[in-house]
Amino acid sequence: MKITEKEVRYVAALANLELSDEEIARLRGELDGILEHMDRLNEIDTSGVEPMAQVLFDAEETATLRADVPVEPLGNTAALANAPESGAGYFKVPQVIER
């Protein structure tokens, strides 16, 4: 396997997840499968493929992008108008990290 149990536990800690040993083992296998798939994709010869800057493109009647028209910014007062709680020009949110 390419990924170790220690690495899975490290990523879980970064995501603030508490995982059981069974979940660690399952995720280790799943993450290893993802890494193996990426290795297979890296083996593909893409030397003759032109790079793309944007998958979506403007193509007349099948245009997938909207026109880039400048508009006035929303403004602080309007942005905070429906906020449950605000103060000093900012959104107030409850603390979620307790480490």
N, C-alpha and C. Protein backbone atom coordinates (compact mmCIF):
# COMPACT_ATOMS: atom_id res chain seq x y z
N MET A 1 0.84 -1.19 0.00
CA MET A 1 0.00 0.00 0.00
C MET A 1 0.88 1.25 0.00
N LYS A 2 0.40 2.27 -0.68
CA LYS A 2 1.16 3.51 -0.79
C LYS A 2 0.93 4.44 0.39
N ILE A 3 -0.21 4.34 1.02
CA ILE A 3 -0.52 5.26 2.12
C ILE A 3 -0.51 4.46 3.43
N THR A 4 0.05 5.06 4.44
CA THR A 4 0.17 4.36 5.72
C THR A 4 -0.99 4.72 6.64
N GLU A 5 -1.16 3.92 7.66
CA GLU A 5 -2.18 4.20 8.67
C GLU A 5 -1.90 5.53 9.36
N LYS A 6 -0.62 5.81 9.58
CA LYS A 6 -0.23 7.06 10.22
C LYS A 6 -0.67 8.26 9.37
N GLU A 7 -0.52 8.16 8.05
CA GLU A 7 -0.92 9.24 7.16
C GLU A 7 -2.44 9.43 7.15
N VAL A 8 -3.17 8.33 7.20
CA VAL A 8 -4.64 8.42 7.25
C VAL A 8 -5.06 9.10 8.55
N ARG A 9 -4.45 8.73 9.64
CA ARG A 9 -4.77 9.35 10.93
C ARG A 9 -4.41 10.85 10.92
N TYR A 10 -3.30 11.20 10.27
CA TYR A 10 -2.89 12.60 10.18
C TYR A 10 -3.92 13.41 9.39
N VAL A 11 -4.36 12.89 8.24
CA VAL A 11 -5.36 13.59 7.43
C VAL A 11 -6.68 13.70 8.19
N ALA A 12 -7.06 12.64 8.90
CA ALA A 12 -8.29 12.67 9.70
C ALA A 12 -8.19 13.73 10.78
N ALA A 13 -7.04 13.86 11.40
CA ALA A 13 -6.85 14.88 12.43
C ALA A 13 -6.94 16.28 11.84
N LEU A 14 -6.38 16.47 10.64
CA LEU A 14 -6.49 17.77 9.97
C LEU A 14 -7.94 18.14 9.69
N ALA A 15 -8.75 17.12 9.37
CA ALA A 15 -10.17 17.34 9.09
C ALA A 15 -11.00 17.31 10.37
N ASN A 16 -10.33 17.18 11.51
CA ASN A 16 -11.00 17.13 12.81
C ASN A 16 -12.02 15.99 12.87
N LEU A 17 -11.61 14.81 12.35
CA LEU A 17 -12.47 13.63 12.35
C LEU A 17 -11.96 12.62 13.36
N GLU A 18 -12.88 12.02 14.08
CA GLU A 18 -12.54 10.92 14.98
C GLU A 18 -12.99 9.63 14.30
N LEU A 19 -12.03 8.81 13.88
CA LEU A 19 -12.33 7.59 13.15
C LEU A 19 -11.96 6.36 13.97
N SER A 20 -12.76 5.32 13.81
CA SER A 20 -12.46 4.05 14.48
C SER A 20 -11.36 3.34 13.70
N ASP A 21 -10.80 2.29 14.29
CA ASP A 21 -9.76 1.52 13.61
C ASP A 21 -10.28 0.90 12.32
N GLU A 22 -11.55 0.47 12.33
CA GLU A 22 -12.15 -0.11 11.13
C GLU A 22 -12.27 0.94 10.02
N GLU A 23 -12.67 2.15 10.40
CA GLU A 23 -12.80 3.24 9.41
C GLU A 23 -11.43 3.62 8.86
N ILE A 24 -10.42 3.62 9.71
CA ILE A 24 -9.05 3.92 9.27
C ILE A 24 -8.61 2.89 8.24
N ALA A 25 -8.85 1.62 8.52
CA ALA A 25 -8.45 0.55 7.60
C ALA A 25 -9.20 0.67 6.28
N ARG A 26 -10.50 0.95 6.33
CA ARG A 26 -11.30 1.09 5.11
C ARG A 26 -10.82 2.29 4.29
N LEU A 27 -10.61 3.43 4.95
CA LEU A 27 -10.16 4.63 4.25
C LEU A 27 -8.76 4.45 3.68
N ARG A 28 -7.93 3.72 4.38
CA ARG A 28 -6.58 3.46 3.88
C ARG A 28 -6.66 2.73 2.54
N GLY A 29 -7.52 1.72 2.47
CA GLY A 29 -7.70 0.99 1.21
C GLY A 29 -8.27 1.86 0.11
N GLU A 30 -9.27 2.68 0.45
CA GLU A 30 -9.89 3.55 -0.54
C GLU A 30 -8.92 4.61 -1.04
N LEU A 31 -8.18 5.24 -0.13
CA LEU A 31 -7.21 6.25 -0.54
C LEU A 31 -6.08 5.63 -1.36
N ASP A 32 -5.67 4.42 -1.01
CA ASP A 32 -4.65 3.73 -1.77
C ASP A 32 -5.15 3.46 -3.19
N GLY A 33 -6.41 3.08 -3.32
CA GLY A 33 -7.00 2.85 -4.64
C GLY A 33 -7.00 4.12 -5.48
N ILE A 34 -7.29 5.24 -4.85
CA ILE A 34 -7.28 6.53 -5.56
C ILE A 34 -5.87 6.84 -6.04
N LEU A 35 -4.87 6.63 -5.19
CA LEU A 35 -3.49 6.90 -5.57
C LEU A 35 -3.03 5.98 -6.69
N GLU A 36 -3.45 4.72 -6.66
CA GLU A 36 -3.11 3.78 -7.74
C GLU A 36 -3.74 4.24 -9.06
N HIS A 37 -4.98 4.71 -8.99
CA HIS A 37 -5.65 5.22 -10.20
C HIS A 37 -4.90 6.43 -10.75
N MET A 38 -4.46 7.32 -9.89
CA MET A 38 -3.70 8.49 -10.33
C MET A 38 -2.39 8.06 -10.99
N ASP A 39 -1.75 7.04 -10.44
CA ASP A 39 -0.52 6.53 -11.06
C ASP A 39 -0.79 6.01 -12.47
N ARG A 40 -1.91 5.30 -12.65
CA ARG A 40 -2.28 4.80 -13.99
C ARG A 40 -2.54 5.96 -14.94
N LEU A 41 -3.21 7.02 -14.45
CA LEU A 41 -3.46 8.19 -15.29
C LEU A 41 -2.15 8.87 -15.69
N ASN A 42 -1.18 8.88 -14.79
CA ASN A 42 0.11 9.50 -15.08
C ASN A 42 0.89 8.72 -16.14
N GLU A 43 0.56 7.45 -16.37
CA GLU A 43 1.23 6.64 -17.38
C GLU A 43 0.75 6.96 -18.79
N ILE A 44 -0.36 7.64 -18.93
CA ILE A 44 -0.93 7.94 -20.24
C ILE A 44 -0.07 8.98 -20.95
N ASP A 45 0.23 8.71 -22.22
CA ASP A 45 1.02 9.64 -23.02
C ASP A 45 0.13 10.78 -23.49
N THR A 46 0.38 11.97 -22.97
CA THR A 46 -0.41 13.14 -23.35
C THR A 46 0.44 14.15 -24.12
N SER A 47 1.57 13.69 -24.67
CA SER A 47 2.47 14.61 -25.36
C SER A 47 1.83 15.25 -26.59
N GLY A 48 0.89 14.57 -27.25
CA GLY A 48 0.25 15.12 -28.44
C GLY A 48 -1.03 15.86 -28.15
N VAL A 49 -1.38 16.05 -26.90
CA VAL A 49 -2.63 16.69 -26.53
C VAL A 49 -2.37 18.16 -26.22
N GLU A 50 -3.10 19.03 -26.90
CA GLU A 50 -2.95 20.46 -26.66
C GLU A 50 -3.54 20.81 -25.29
N PRO A 51 -2.86 21.65 -24.52
CA PRO A 51 -3.41 22.06 -23.22
C PRO A 51 -4.65 22.93 -23.39
N MET A 52 -5.57 22.83 -22.43
CA MET A 52 -6.79 23.63 -22.46
C MET A 52 -6.75 24.60 -21.29
N ALA A 53 -7.07 25.85 -21.57
CA ALA A 53 -7.14 26.83 -20.50
C ALA A 53 -8.50 26.81 -19.85
N GLN A 54 -9.54 26.41 -20.57
CA GLN A 54 -10.90 26.43 -20.07
C GLN A 54 -11.69 25.32 -20.76
N VAL A 55 -12.36 24.50 -19.99
CA VAL A 55 -13.17 23.43 -20.56
C VAL A 55 -14.41 24.00 -21.22
N LEU A 56 -15.00 24.99 -20.59
CA LEU A 56 -16.17 25.64 -21.16
C LEU A 56 -15.72 26.71 -22.13
N PHE A 57 -16.46 26.89 -23.22
CA PHE A 57 -16.05 27.88 -24.20
C PHE A 57 -17.27 28.50 -24.87
N ASP A 58 -17.05 29.62 -25.50
CA ASP A 58 -18.10 30.34 -26.21
C ASP A 58 -18.19 29.80 -27.63
N ALA A 59 -19.29 29.16 -27.97
CA ALA A 59 -19.45 28.58 -29.30
C ALA A 59 -20.84 28.91 -29.84
N GLU A 60 -21.07 30.17 -30.10
CA GLU A 60 -22.32 30.67 -30.68
C GLU A 60 -23.55 30.20 -29.91
N GLU A 61 -24.43 29.42 -30.55
CA GLU A 61 -25.69 29.05 -29.89
C GLU A 61 -25.51 28.07 -28.74
N THR A 62 -24.35 27.43 -28.65
CA THR A 62 -24.12 26.50 -27.54
C THR A 62 -23.18 27.11 -26.50
N ALA A 63 -23.16 28.43 -26.42
CA ALA A 63 -22.27 29.11 -25.48
C ALA A 63 -22.55 28.65 -24.05
N THR A 64 -21.48 28.35 -23.34
CA THR A 64 -21.63 27.89 -21.96
C THR A 64 -21.16 28.92 -20.95
N LEU A 65 -20.66 30.04 -21.43
CA LEU A 65 -20.21 31.10 -20.54
C LEU A 65 -21.09 32.33 -20.73
N ARG A 66 -21.38 33.01 -19.64
CA ARG A 66 -22.16 34.25 -19.75
C ARG A 66 -21.23 35.39 -20.12
N ALA A 67 -21.79 36.46 -20.60
CA ALA A 67 -20.99 37.63 -20.93
C ALA A 67 -20.40 38.21 -19.66
N ASP A 68 -19.18 38.68 -19.75
CA ASP A 68 -18.50 39.27 -18.60
C ASP A 68 -18.81 40.76 -18.56
N VAL A 69 -19.88 41.09 -17.84
CA VAL A 69 -20.35 42.47 -17.77
C VAL A 69 -20.09 43.01 -16.37
N PRO A 70 -19.35 44.11 -16.25
CA PRO A 70 -19.10 44.66 -14.90
C PRO A 70 -20.38 45.20 -14.27
N VAL A 71 -20.53 44.97 -12.98
CA VAL A 71 -21.68 45.48 -12.23
C VAL A 71 -21.15 46.13 -10.95
N GLU A 72 -21.98 46.95 -10.36
CA GLU A 72 -21.60 47.58 -9.10
C GLU A 72 -21.50 46.53 -8.01
N PRO A 73 -20.51 46.67 -7.10
CA PRO A 73 -20.42 45.70 -6.01
C PRO A 73 -21.62 45.79 -5.07
N LEU A 74 -21.87 44.71 -4.35
CA LEU A 74 -23.03 44.62 -3.47
C LEU A 74 -22.98 45.67 -2.36
N GLY A 75 -21.86 45.88 -1.77
CA GLY A 75 -21.76 46.85 -0.68
C GLY A 75 -21.94 46.18 0.67
N ASN A 76 -21.29 46.73 1.68
CA ASN A 76 -21.28 46.14 3.01
C ASN A 76 -22.67 46.12 3.64
N THR A 77 -23.41 47.20 3.54
CA THR A 77 -24.73 47.29 4.16
C THR A 77 -25.68 46.27 3.56
N ALA A 78 -25.70 46.16 2.24
CA ALA A 78 -26.59 45.20 1.58
C ALA A 78 -26.17 43.76 1.88
N ALA A 79 -24.86 43.51 1.94
CA ALA A 79 -24.37 42.16 2.22
C ALA A 79 -24.77 41.71 3.62
N LEU A 80 -24.76 42.63 4.58
CA LEU A 80 -25.08 42.29 5.96
C LEU A 80 -26.57 42.42 6.30
N ALA A 81 -27.38 42.85 5.35
CA ALA A 81 -28.79 43.12 5.61
C ALA A 81 -29.54 41.91 6.17
N ASN A 82 -29.27 40.72 5.67
CA ASN A 82 -29.99 39.52 6.11
C ASN A 82 -29.15 38.63 7.02
N ALA A 83 -28.02 39.12 7.48
CA ALA A 83 -27.17 38.32 8.36
C ALA A 83 -27.86 38.13 9.70
N PRO A 84 -27.84 36.90 10.26
CA PRO A 84 -28.45 36.66 11.57
C PRO A 84 -27.81 37.53 12.65
N GLU A 85 -26.49 37.73 12.53
CA GLU A 85 -25.79 38.55 13.51
C GLU A 85 -24.60 39.23 12.83
N SER A 86 -24.46 40.52 13.05
CA SER A 86 -23.34 41.25 12.47
C SER A 86 -22.85 42.28 13.47
N GLY A 87 -21.67 42.79 13.23
CA GLY A 87 -21.12 43.82 14.09
C GLY A 87 -19.85 44.38 13.51
N ALA A 88 -19.64 45.65 13.62
CA ALA A 88 -18.45 46.36 13.14
C ALA A 88 -18.24 46.13 11.65
N GLY A 89 -19.34 45.93 10.91
CA GLY A 89 -19.24 45.75 9.47
C GLY A 89 -18.87 44.35 9.03
N TYR A 90 -18.96 43.37 9.91
CA TYR A 90 -18.59 42.00 9.59
C TYR A 90 -19.71 41.04 9.99
N PHE A 91 -19.69 39.83 9.41
CA PHE A 91 -20.58 38.75 9.84
C PHE A 91 -20.04 38.20 11.15
N LYS A 92 -20.91 37.93 12.10
CA LYS A 92 -20.51 37.26 13.33
C LYS A 92 -20.96 35.82 13.23
N VAL A 93 -20.04 34.91 13.51
CA VAL A 93 -20.34 33.48 13.44
C VAL A 93 -19.88 32.82 14.73
N PRO A 94 -20.52 31.70 15.11
CA PRO A 94 -20.09 31.02 16.32
C PRO A 94 -18.72 30.35 16.12
N GLN A 95 -17.98 30.25 17.18
CA GLN A 95 -16.69 29.57 17.13
C GLN A 95 -16.92 28.09 16.90
N VAL A 96 -16.16 27.50 15.96
CA VAL A 96 -16.35 26.09 15.67
C VAL A 96 -15.12 25.25 15.97
N ILE A 97 -13.98 25.87 16.15
CA ILE A 97 -12.75 25.12 16.42
C ILE A 97 -12.40 25.29 17.89
N GLU A 98 -12.28 24.17 18.58
CA GLU A 98 -11.98 24.21 20.00
C GLU A 98 -10.79 23.32 20.31
N ARG A 99 -9.64 23.64 19.77
CA ARG A 99 -8.45 22.84 20.05
C ARG A 99 -7.55 23.58 20.99
